[in-house]
Amino acid sequence: QASLEAVMRQHGLEFIQPASDAVFDPELHQAVGTVAAGEGEGEDAGPRLELLRRGYKMGRRILRPAQVRIIEG
């Protein structure tokens, strides 16, 4: 799998994999759901993203946005 990713990167493909503390960007992310934060998690942390399926872009063109779930604090 690592070699396939290396070949994809050589041809200019970039992966869209937002970090959990990233801000939702509708141009890069597709929200497929929203859930409340579980118990014990910070209420004031603000919304976080959970990556469900990474996206792809080539240059400035989005081939597939990353699918994310928004976790509200």
Protein backbone atom coordinates (compact mmCIF):
# COMPACT_ATOMS: atom_id res chain seq x y z
CA GLN A 1 0.00 0.00 0.00
CA ALA A 2 2.87 2.38 0.74
CA SER A 3 4.27 1.97 -2.77
CA LEU A 4 0.85 2.69 -4.32
CA GLU A 5 0.60 5.90 -2.30
CA ALA A 6 4.13 6.86 -3.40
CA VAL A 7 3.20 6.38 -7.07
CA MET A 8 0.02 8.40 -6.60
CA ARG A 9 2.02 11.24 -5.02
CA GLN A 10 4.58 11.12 -7.86
CA HIS A 11 1.73 11.80 -10.29
CA GLY A 12 0.57 14.84 -8.32
CA LEU A 13 -2.22 13.31 -6.24
CA GLU A 14 -2.59 14.76 -2.75
CA PHE A 15 -4.53 13.17 0.09
CA ILE A 16 -7.09 15.14 2.09
CA GLN A 17 -6.85 13.83 5.64
CA PRO A 18 -7.94 16.49 8.15
CA ALA A 19 -6.60 16.30 11.68
CA SER A 20 -9.16 15.94 14.45
CA ASP A 21 -8.65 19.59 15.45
CA ALA A 22 -9.06 20.89 11.88
CA VAL A 23 -11.82 23.36 11.05
CA PHE A 24 -14.57 22.10 8.75
CA ASP A 25 -14.03 23.37 5.21
CA PRO A 26 -16.94 22.62 2.85
CA GLU A 27 -14.59 22.77 -0.14
CA LEU A 28 -12.41 19.97 1.27
CA HIS A 29 -14.79 18.05 3.53
CA GLN A 30 -18.15 16.36 3.15
CA ALA A 31 -20.01 16.07 6.46
CA VAL A 32 -21.93 12.81 6.64
CA GLY A 33 -23.11 13.19 10.20
CA THR A 34 -22.94 15.04 13.48
CA VAL A 35 -22.64 13.47 16.91
CA ALA A 36 -22.38 14.81 20.44
CA ALA A 37 -19.11 14.34 22.29
CA GLY A 38 -19.06 11.45 24.72
CA GLU A 39 -18.89 11.80 28.48
CA GLY A 40 -15.56 12.84 29.90
CA GLU A 41 -14.63 14.87 26.84
CA GLY A 42 -14.15 18.61 27.10
CA GLU A 43 -17.33 20.60 26.57
CA ASP A 44 -15.44 23.76 25.60
CA ALA A 45 -13.15 22.11 23.07
CA GLY A 46 -15.37 23.10 20.14
CA PRO A 47 -16.31 20.92 17.19
CA ARG A 48 -13.83 18.29 16.00
CA LEU A 49 -13.68 16.18 12.87
CA GLU A 50 -13.53 12.41 12.66
CA LEU A 51 -12.16 11.18 9.35
CA LEU A 52 -14.34 8.46 7.81
CA ARG A 53 -12.83 8.35 4.30
CA ARG A 54 -9.92 10.39 3.04
CA GLY A 55 -10.27 12.56 0.00
CA TYR A 56 -8.08 13.30 -2.97
CA LYS A 57 -7.06 16.38 -4.89
CA MET A 58 -4.78 17.06 -7.80
CA GLY A 59 -3.41 20.57 -7.80
CA ARG A 60 -6.33 22.85 -7.01
CA ARG A 61 -8.95 20.40 -8.28
CA ILE A 62 -10.83 18.33 -5.69
CA LEU A 63 -11.33 14.79 -6.99
CA ARG A 64 -13.17 13.54 -3.91
CA PRO A 65 -13.73 15.47 -0.66
CA ALA A 66 -12.82 13.81 2.61
CA GLN A 67 -15.86 12.36 4.38
CA VAL A 68 -15.96 13.46 8.00
CA ARG A 69 -18.22 13.25 11.01
CA ILE A 70 -18.50 16.41 13.09
CA ILE A 71 -18.19 15.81 16.83
CA GLU A 72 -19.77 18.65 18.75
CA GLY A 73 -18.48 19.42 22.22
